[in-house]
Amino acid sequence: MTKKYIIISILVLLILGGGFYYWRTYMQKSPAEKAANDLQKTLESVSQDVSQGVLPAIDTTVGSMDNLPDTNPYSNTNPFSDVKVNPFK
């Protein structure tokens, strides 16, 4: 019985070791890809820093769509609004 557990644990360790080796060799980014990602992040942060003082601040407290009149022609039209209820129902 203990021999069976030893064999199962060795197989599990081999599978885990093989998966780790595959992950380290094939799933990791190459140094060129890492450098390209770092360069992209640096460019984004520099562009945000440069445009920080140049662009005007946007005032979001004033809503331009708050006090508009209702211009939808179908909002108040109901052809059955003046129909009387049948008293014999």
C-alpha atoms as a PDB file:
ATOM      1  CA  MET A   1       0.000   0.000   0.000  1.00  0.00           C
ATOM      2  CA  THR A   2       2.793   2.424   0.827  1.00  0.00           C
ATOM      3  CA  LYS A   3       4.528   1.549  -2.437  1.00  0.00           C
ATOM      4  CA  LYS A   4       1.419   2.664  -4.308  1.00  0.00           C
ATOM      5  CA  TYR A   5       1.446   6.064  -2.525  1.00  0.00           C
ATOM      6  CA  ILE A   6       5.134   6.519  -3.261  1.00  0.00           C
ATOM      7  CA  ILE A   7       4.630   5.813  -6.968  1.00  0.00           C
ATOM      8  CA  ILE A   8       1.622   8.179  -7.134  1.00  0.00           C
ATOM      9  CA  SER A   9       3.518  10.965  -5.359  1.00  0.00           C
ATOM     10  CA  ILE A  10       6.522  10.525  -7.698  1.00  0.00           C
ATOM     11  CA  LEU A  11       4.210  10.729 -10.737  1.00  0.00           C
ATOM     12  CA  VAL A  12       2.524  13.863  -9.388  1.00  0.00           C
ATOM     13  CA  LEU A  13       5.912  15.488  -8.768  1.00  0.00           C
ATOM     14  CA  LEU A  14       7.059  14.581 -12.286  1.00  0.00           C
ATOM     15  CA  ILE A  15       3.900  16.058 -13.826  1.00  0.00           C
ATOM     16  CA  LEU A  16       4.256  19.239 -11.769  1.00  0.00           C
ATOM     17  CA  GLY A  17       7.945  19.500 -12.687  1.00  0.00           C
ATOM     18  CA  GLY A  18       7.164  19.028 -16.379  1.00  0.00           C
ATOM     19  CA  GLY A  19       4.448  21.668 -16.242  1.00  0.00           C
ATOM     20  CA  PHE A  20       6.773  24.118 -14.519  1.00  0.00           C
ATOM     21  CA  TYR A  21       9.499  23.477 -17.099  1.00  0.00           C
ATOM     22  CA  TYR A  22       7.030  24.016 -19.960  1.00  0.00           C
ATOM     23  CA  TRP A  23       5.789  27.227 -18.360  1.00  0.00           C
ATOM     24  CA  ARG A  24       9.327  28.568 -17.855  1.00  0.00           C
ATOM     25  CA  THR A  25      10.462  27.817 -21.408  1.00  0.00           C
ATOM     26  CA  TYR A  26       7.408  28.515 -23.549  1.00  0.00           C
ATOM     27  CA  MET A  27       5.077  30.812 -21.626  1.00  0.00           C
ATOM     28  CA  GLN A  28       7.523  33.458 -20.442  1.00  0.00           C
ATOM     29  CA  LYS A  29       8.020  36.579 -22.517  1.00  0.00           C
ATOM     30  CA  SER A  30      11.280  37.054 -24.290  1.00  0.00           C
ATOM     31  CA  PRO A  31      13.544  39.941 -23.241  1.00  0.00           C
ATOM     32  CA  ALA A  32      12.632  41.783 -26.450  1.00  0.00           C
ATOM     33  CA  GLU A  33       8.905  41.574 -25.645  1.00  0.00           C
ATOM     34  CA  LYS A  34       9.542  42.736 -22.066  1.00  0.00           C
ATOM     35  CA  ALA A  35      11.594  45.696 -23.348  1.00  0.00           C
ATOM     36  CA  ALA A  36       8.852  46.634 -25.832  1.00  0.00           C
ATOM     37  CA  ASN A  37       6.210  46.549 -23.063  1.00  0.00           C
ATOM     38  CA  ASP A  38       8.399  48.657 -20.752  1.00  0.00           C
ATOM     39  CA  LEU A  39       8.989  51.176 -23.534  1.00  0.00           C
ATOM     40  CA  GLN A  40       5.251  51.388 -24.240  1.00  0.00           C
ATOM     41  CA  LYS A  41       4.465  52.000 -20.551  1.00  0.00           C
ATOM     42  CA  THR A  42       7.169  54.672 -20.373  1.00  0.00           C
ATOM     43  CA  LEU A  43       5.818  56.435 -23.452  1.00  0.00           C
ATOM     44  CA  GLU A  44       2.292  56.434 -22.023  1.00  0.00           C
ATOM     45  CA  SER A  45       3.423  57.878 -18.705  1.00  0.00           C
ATOM     46  CA  VAL A  46       5.525  60.555 -20.440  1.00  0.00           C
ATOM     47  CA  SER A  47       2.615  61.563 -22.689  1.00  0.00           C
ATOM     48  CA  GLN A  48       0.336  61.840 -19.650  1.00  0.00           C
ATOM     49  CA  ASP A  49       2.908  63.976 -17.826  1.00  0.00           C
ATOM     50  CA  VAL A  50       3.399  66.243 -20.829  1.00  0.00           C
ATOM     51  CA  SER A  51      -0.307  66.818 -21.435  1.00  0.00           C
ATOM     52  CA  GLN A  52      -1.066  67.371 -17.751  1.00  0.00           C
ATOM     53  CA  GLY A  53      -0.539  71.141 -17.786  1.00  0.00           C
ATOM     54  CA  VAL A  54      -1.431  71.788 -21.428  1.00  0.00           C
ATOM     55  CA  LEU A  55      -5.019  70.591 -21.665  1.00  0.00           C
ATOM     56  CA  PRO A  56      -7.751  72.688 -20.030  1.00  0.00           C
ATOM     57  CA  ALA A  57      -9.758  71.260 -17.188  1.00  0.00           C
ATOM     58  CA  ILE A  58     -13.237  70.071 -18.119  1.00  0.00           C
ATOM     59  CA  ASP A  59     -16.043  71.357 -15.911  1.00  0.00           C
ATOM     60  CA  THR A  60     -18.469  68.478 -15.390  1.00  0.00           C
ATOM     61  CA  THR A  61     -20.742  70.259 -12.916  1.00  0.00           C
ATOM     62  CA  VAL A  62     -22.681  72.083 -15.643  1.00  0.00           C
ATOM     63  CA  GLY A  63     -24.855  69.690 -17.622  1.00  0.00           C
ATOM     64  CA  SER A  64     -25.802  70.949 -21.057  1.00  0.00           C
ATOM     65  CA  MET A  65     -28.601  68.395 -21.350  1.00  0.00           C
ATOM     66  CA  ASP A  66     -30.389  69.189 -18.104  1.00  0.00           C
ATOM     67  CA  ASN A  67     -33.024  71.771 -19.133  1.00  0.00           C
ATOM     68  CA  LEU A  68     -33.880  70.833 -22.695  1.00  0.00           C
ATOM     69  CA  PRO A  69     -37.518  70.911 -23.853  1.00  0.00           C
ATOM     70  CA  ASP A  70     -39.256  67.663 -24.727  1.00  0.00           C
ATOM     71  CA  THR A  71     -39.101  67.530 -28.529  1.00  0.00           C
ATOM     72  CA  ASN A  72     -40.165  63.926 -28.994  1.00  0.00           C
ATOM     73  CA  PRO A  73     -43.421  64.003 -31.004  1.00  0.00           C
ATOM     74  CA  TYR A  74     -44.445  60.555 -29.769  1.00  0.00           C
ATOM     75  CA  SER A  75     -44.044  61.108 -26.050  1.00  0.00           C
ATOM     76  CA  ASN A  76     -47.528  62.570 -25.431  1.00  0.00           C
ATOM     77  CA  THR A  77     -49.598  60.904 -28.126  1.00  0.00           C
ATOM     78  CA  ASN A  78     -52.007  58.235 -27.017  1.00  0.00           C
ATOM     79  CA  PRO A  79     -54.924  57.687 -29.395  1.00  0.00           C
ATOM     80  CA  PHE A  80     -56.858  55.799 -26.718  1.00  0.00           C
ATOM     81  CA  SER A  81     -56.712  58.416 -23.972  1.00  0.00           C
ATOM     82  CA  ASP A  82     -60.326  59.588 -24.367  1.00  0.00           C
ATOM     83  CA  VAL A  83     -61.906  56.125 -24.537  1.00  0.00           C
ATOM     84  CA  LYS A  84     -64.623  55.483 -21.985  1.00  0.00           C
ATOM     85  CA  VAL A  85     -64.731  52.271 -20.007  1.00  0.00           C
ATOM     86  CA  ASN A  86     -67.504  49.845 -20.898  1.00  0.00           C
ATOM     87  CA  PRO A  87     -69.889  49.757 -17.931  1.00  0.00           C
ATOM     88  CA  PHE A  88     -71.348  46.364 -18.960  1.00  0.00           C
ATOM     89  CA  LYS A  89     -68.150  44.458 -18.587  1.00  0.00           C
END
